[in-house]
N, C-alpha and C. Protein backbone atom coordinates (compact mmCIF):
# COMPACT_ATOMS: atom_id res chain seq x y z
N UNK A 1 190.61 107.84 311.21
CA UNK A 1 191.89 107.09 311.75
C UNK A 1 192.99 106.88 310.36
N UNK A 2 192.47 106.03 309.29
CA UNK A 2 193.09 105.85 308.11
C UNK A 2 192.06 105.56 306.99
N UNK A 3 192.52 105.57 305.83
CA UNK A 3 191.79 105.06 304.85
C UNK A 3 192.58 104.10 304.00
N UNK A 4 191.73 103.28 302.95
CA UNK A 4 192.29 102.32 302.55
C UNK A 4 193.06 102.93 301.47
N UNK A 5 194.39 102.38 301.00
CA UNK A 5 195.32 102.81 300.32
C UNK A 5 196.67 103.72 300.92
N UNK A 6 196.30 104.22 302.22
CA UNK A 6 197.20 105.12 302.93
C UNK A 6 198.30 104.67 303.39
N UNK A 7 199.52 105.21 303.40
CA UNK A 7 200.71 104.57 303.91
C UNK A 7 200.70 104.04 305.14
N UNK A 8 200.80 102.75 305.54
CA UNK A 8 200.77 102.47 307.08
C UNK A 8 201.85 102.46 307.60
N UNK A 9 202.18 103.22 308.81
CA UNK A 9 203.18 103.43 309.46
C UNK A 9 203.15 103.56 311.18
N UNK A 10 201.93 103.06 311.54
CA UNK A 10 201.24 103.34 312.99
C UNK A 10 200.78 101.57 313.36
N UNK A 11 200.33 101.77 314.59
CA UNK A 11 199.33 101.03 315.09
C UNK A 11 198.48 101.65 316.00
N UNK A 12 197.59 101.21 316.59
CA UNK A 12 196.63 101.92 317.30
C UNK A 12 195.62 101.26 318.28
N UNK A 13 195.50 101.75 319.63
CA UNK A 13 194.98 101.12 320.73
C UNK A 13 193.64 102.09 321.09
N UNK A 14 192.91 101.21 320.96
CA UNK A 14 191.26 102.02 321.26
C UNK A 14 191.30 102.35 322.87
N UNK A 15 191.41 103.52 323.33
CA UNK A 15 191.20 103.71 324.82
C UNK A 15 189.61 103.93 325.40
N UNK A 16 189.04 104.72 324.61
CA UNK A 16 187.37 104.57 324.89
C UNK A 16 186.64 104.65 323.63
N UNK A 17 185.67 103.93 323.37
CA UNK A 17 184.48 104.22 322.15
C UNK A 17 184.87 103.06 321.23
N UNK A 18 184.54 103.23 320.02
CA UNK A 18 184.75 101.92 319.14
C UNK A 18 185.03 102.42 317.82
N UNK A 19 185.91 101.28 317.12
CA UNK A 19 186.46 101.71 315.66
C UNK A 19 185.82 100.34 314.99
N UNK A 20 185.17 100.83 313.68
CA UNK A 20 184.88 100.00 312.46
C UNK A 20 185.91 99.76 311.61
N UNK A 21 186.25 98.72 311.21
CA UNK A 21 187.43 98.38 309.94
C UNK A 21 186.32 98.07 309.11
N UNK A 22 186.49 98.41 307.67
CA UNK A 22 185.64 98.00 306.80
C UNK A 22 186.46 98.40 305.24
N UNK A 23 186.14 97.47 304.46
CA UNK A 23 186.47 97.72 302.88
C UNK A 23 185.32 98.56 301.82
N UNK A 24 185.91 99.27 301.33
CA UNK A 24 184.52 99.88 300.32
C UNK A 24 184.57 99.28 299.11
N UNK A 25 183.61 98.63 298.88
CA UNK A 25 183.30 97.74 297.52
C UNK A 25 183.07 98.68 296.43
N UNK A 26 183.10 98.14 294.99
CA UNK A 26 182.96 98.90 294.11
C UNK A 26 181.77 99.63 293.54
N UNK A 27 180.70 98.99 294.20
CA UNK A 27 179.40 99.54 294.21
C UNK A 27 179.03 100.53 295.27
N UNK A 28 180.07 101.00 296.42
CA UNK A 28 179.51 101.91 296.99
C UNK A 28 179.44 101.21 298.57
N UNK A 29 179.00 99.97 298.73
CA UNK A 29 178.61 99.35 299.87
C UNK A 29 179.68 99.21 300.81
N UNK A 30 179.42 99.08 302.26
CA UNK A 30 180.60 98.68 303.06
C UNK A 30 180.59 97.40 303.26
N UNK A 31 181.87 96.68 303.40
CA UNK A 31 182.00 95.44 303.90
C UNK A 31 182.70 95.43 305.21
N UNK A 32 181.95 95.17 306.22
CA UNK A 32 182.61 95.30 307.45
C UNK A 32 183.41 94.25 308.18
N UNK A 33 184.71 94.45 308.25
CA UNK A 33 185.40 93.34 308.80
C UNK A 33 185.36 92.97 310.40
N UNK A 34 185.67 94.18 310.95
CA UNK A 34 185.54 93.96 312.69
C UNK A 34 185.27 95.23 313.49
N UNK A 35 184.92 95.15 314.52
CA UNK A 35 184.70 96.29 315.24
C UNK A 35 185.85 96.14 316.35
N UNK A 36 186.40 97.30 316.99
CA UNK A 36 187.45 96.99 317.96
C UNK A 36 187.03 98.19 319.11
N UNK A 37 187.13 97.48 320.22
CA UNK A 37 186.55 98.26 321.47
C UNK A 37 187.61 98.63 322.28
N UNK A 38 187.49 99.34 323.63
CA UNK A 38 188.38 99.71 324.47
C UNK A 38 189.41 98.76 324.85
N UNK A 39 190.76 98.96 324.62
CA UNK A 39 191.58 97.82 325.04
C UNK A 39 192.23 97.15 323.90
N UNK A 40 191.57 97.33 322.74
CA UNK A 40 191.89 96.50 321.46
C UNK A 40 192.92 96.94 320.71
N UNK A 41 193.97 96.50 319.91
CA UNK A 41 194.85 97.22 319.04
C UNK A 41 194.80 96.85 317.71
N UNK A 42 194.61 97.57 316.76
CA UNK A 42 194.50 97.42 315.58
C UNK A 42 195.40 98.31 314.82
N UNK A 43 195.51 97.96 313.35
CA UNK A 43 195.99 98.73 312.32
C UNK A 43 197.30 97.81 311.80
N UNK A 44 197.69 96.68 312.06
CA UNK A 44 198.90 95.88 311.63
C UNK A 44 198.65 95.88 310.36
N UNK A 45 199.69 95.75 309.34
CA UNK A 45 199.45 95.45 307.87
C UNK A 45 200.60 94.70 307.68
N UNK A 46 200.23 93.64 306.53
CA UNK A 46 201.61 92.81 305.98
C UNK A 46 201.91 93.59 305.07
N UNK A 47 201.71 94.75 304.79
CA UNK A 47 202.02 95.49 303.40
C UNK A 47 202.47 96.97 303.96
N UNK A 48 202.80 97.86 303.03
CA UNK A 48 203.20 99.27 303.43
C UNK A 48 202.15 99.92 303.33
N UNK A 49 201.04 99.75 302.97
CA UNK A 49 199.62 100.48 302.84
C UNK A 49 198.44 99.64 303.23
N UNK A 50 197.35 100.43 304.01
CA UNK A 50 196.30 100.11 304.57
C UNK A 50 195.18 99.35 303.39
N UNK A 51 194.81 98.23 303.94
CA UNK A 51 194.01 97.47 302.68
C UNK A 51 192.41 97.70 303.09
N UNK A 52 192.27 98.42 304.60
CA UNK A 52 190.79 98.61 305.02
C UNK A 52 190.66 100.41 305.18
N UNK A 53 189.69 100.91 305.46
CA UNK A 53 189.13 102.17 306.18
C UNK A 53 189.02 101.81 307.80
N UNK A 54 189.67 102.70 308.54
CA UNK A 54 189.14 102.65 309.88
C UNK A 54 188.61 103.94 310.52
N UNK A 55 187.20 103.74 311.03
CA UNK A 55 186.80 104.92 311.56
C UNK A 55 186.18 104.62 312.79
N UNK A 56 185.85 105.89 313.77
CA UNK A 56 185.21 105.78 314.88
C UNK A 56 183.74 105.73 314.84
N UNK A 57 183.11 105.05 315.58
CA UNK A 57 181.50 104.67 315.47
C UNK A 57 181.05 105.41 316.34
N UNK A 58 181.52 106.19 317.52
CA UNK A 58 180.93 107.03 318.17
C UNK A 58 182.04 107.78 319.04
N UNK A 59 182.02 108.44 320.13
CA UNK A 59 183.08 109.41 320.91
C UNK A 59 184.21 108.22 320.96
N UNK A 60 185.36 108.32 320.47
CA UNK A 60 186.19 107.66 320.50
C UNK A 60 187.47 108.18 320.74
N UNK A 61 188.64 107.73 321.92
CA UNK A 61 189.57 108.02 321.88
C UNK A 61 190.79 106.93 321.87
N UNK A 62 191.79 107.14 320.84
CA UNK A 62 192.83 106.18 320.36
C UNK A 62 194.34 106.63 320.28
N UNK A 63 194.94 105.55 320.90
CA UNK A 63 196.59 106.31 321.23
C UNK A 63 197.15 105.56 319.99
N UNK A 64 198.20 106.52 319.39
CA UNK A 64 198.60 106.09 317.99
C UNK A 64 200.06 105.99 318.30
N UNK A 65 200.64 104.83 318.03
CA UNK A 65 201.99 104.31 318.19
C UNK A 65 202.43 104.17 316.65
N UNK A 66 203.86 105.30 316.52
CA UNK A 66 204.34 105.41 315.21
C UNK A 66 205.46 104.50 314.96
N UNK A 67 205.35 104.10 313.85
CA UNK A 67 206.87 103.36 313.43
C UNK A 67 207.95 104.25 313.82
N UNK A 68 209.08 104.05 314.12
CA UNK A 68 210.40 104.87 314.09
C UNK A 68 210.71 105.09 312.41
N UNK A 69 211.11 106.18 312.18
CA UNK A 69 211.26 106.96 311.11
C UNK A 69 212.41 105.67 310.51
N UNK A 70 211.94 105.04 309.09
CA UNK A 70 212.96 104.39 308.33
C UNK A 70 212.78 102.96 308.80
N UNK A 71 211.61 102.60 309.75
CA UNK A 71 211.91 101.26 310.34
C UNK A 71 211.33 100.36 309.09
N UNK A 72 211.98 99.20 308.89
CA UNK A 72 211.86 98.38 307.69
C UNK A 72 210.85 97.35 308.15
N UNK A 73 209.60 97.48 307.97
CA UNK A 73 208.72 96.29 308.37
C UNK A 73 208.10 95.51 307.08
N UNK A 74 208.98 95.65 305.82
CA UNK A 74 208.64 95.01 304.91
C UNK A 74 209.49 93.35 304.95
N UNK A 75 210.59 93.06 305.91
CA UNK A 75 210.86 91.88 306.23
C UNK A 75 209.63 91.07 307.01
N UNK A 76 208.75 91.70 307.47
CA UNK A 76 207.65 90.68 308.02
C UNK A 76 206.67 90.55 307.26
N UNK A 77 206.87 90.79 305.91
CA UNK A 77 205.79 90.62 304.78
C UNK A 77 205.43 89.23 304.50
N UNK A 78 206.28 88.10 304.47
CA UNK A 78 205.81 86.98 304.12
C UNK A 78 205.83 85.96 305.26
N UNK A 79 205.79 86.69 306.79
CA UNK A 79 205.44 85.69 307.66
C UNK A 79 204.04 85.53 307.77
N UNK A 80 203.68 84.32 308.47
CA UNK A 80 202.32 84.09 308.71
C UNK A 80 201.62 84.72 310.05
N UNK A 81 202.85 84.51 310.96
CA UNK A 81 202.24 85.49 311.92
C UNK A 81 203.62 86.04 312.74
N UNK A 82 203.34 87.09 313.15
CA UNK A 82 204.52 88.00 313.97
C UNK A 82 204.02 88.58 315.31
N UNK A 83 204.96 87.74 316.23
CA UNK A 83 204.43 88.26 317.81
C UNK A 83 204.83 89.50 318.02
N UNK A 84 203.86 90.21 318.26
CA UNK A 84 204.04 91.90 318.41
C UNK A 84 203.98 91.88 320.21
N UNK A 85 203.83 90.89 320.95
CA UNK A 85 203.56 91.06 322.35
C UNK A 85 204.60 91.82 322.98
N UNK A 86 205.69 91.47 322.67
CA UNK A 86 206.92 92.41 323.28
C UNK A 86 207.18 93.87 323.15
N UNK A 87 207.03 93.85 321.89
CA UNK A 87 206.77 95.25 321.18
C UNK A 87 205.65 96.17 321.98
N UNK A 88 204.27 95.34 321.98
CA UNK A 88 203.24 96.14 322.62
C UNK A 88 203.18 96.06 324.19
N UNK A 89 203.79 95.30 324.66
CA UNK A 89 204.11 95.40 326.32
C UNK A 89 204.81 96.42 326.79
N UNK A 90 206.03 96.85 326.05
CA UNK A 90 206.74 97.89 326.16
C UNK A 90 205.85 99.35 326.30
N UNK A 91 204.98 99.20 325.38
CA UNK A 91 204.14 100.69 325.27
C UNK A 91 202.94 100.65 326.17
N UNK A 92 202.39 99.44 326.48
CA UNK A 92 201.18 99.24 327.38
C UNK A 92 201.01 98.41 328.39
N UNK A 93 202.21 97.64 328.67
CA UNK A 93 202.01 96.69 329.65
C UNK A 93 201.54 95.49 329.31
N UNK A 94 201.12 94.60 329.82
CA UNK A 94 200.20 93.45 329.47
C UNK A 94 198.93 93.35 328.90
N UNK A 95 198.81 93.41 327.85
CA UNK A 95 197.11 93.64 327.40
C UNK A 95 196.87 92.33 326.57
N UNK A 96 195.49 91.86 326.61
CA UNK A 96 195.05 90.64 325.97
C UNK A 96 194.74 91.12 324.43
N UNK A 97 195.81 91.10 323.40
CA UNK A 97 195.85 91.62 322.04
C UNK A 97 194.66 90.79 321.19
N UNK A 98 194.66 89.29 321.63
CA UNK A 98 194.15 88.29 320.70
C UNK A 98 193.06 87.64 321.96
N UNK A 99 192.40 88.25 322.22
CA UNK A 99 191.57 87.73 323.33
C UNK A 99 190.38 86.77 322.59
N UNK A 100 190.27 86.59 321.67
CA UNK A 100 189.24 85.59 320.83
C UNK A 100 190.04 84.54 320.66
N UNK A 101 191.54 84.12 321.02
CA UNK A 101 192.28 83.29 320.79
C UNK A 101 192.60 82.55 321.86
N UNK A 102 192.20 83.34 323.24
CA UNK A 102 192.83 82.80 324.46
C UNK A 102 191.78 81.93 325.20
């Protein structure tokens, strides 16, 4: 999917399978942050680069939604919470993005 340090310009929805989000530590170990399964969305960054790695953990299909060329996401950088529900509904219909909070 993407690597730590790569430019962020898209977000992703898992169609089937699973994705592991992790950080590579200096000693070579992986620090796993979260697993995303079918229906979940990931890849949002508060910066212009990815701070984690994302990789498939089995046979996985992922829908990639790219930001418009020249889209300015830097204005969101200092926000504590950005409500993407309206943006995502236009692509996916209603989805439970943050089901752990419902």
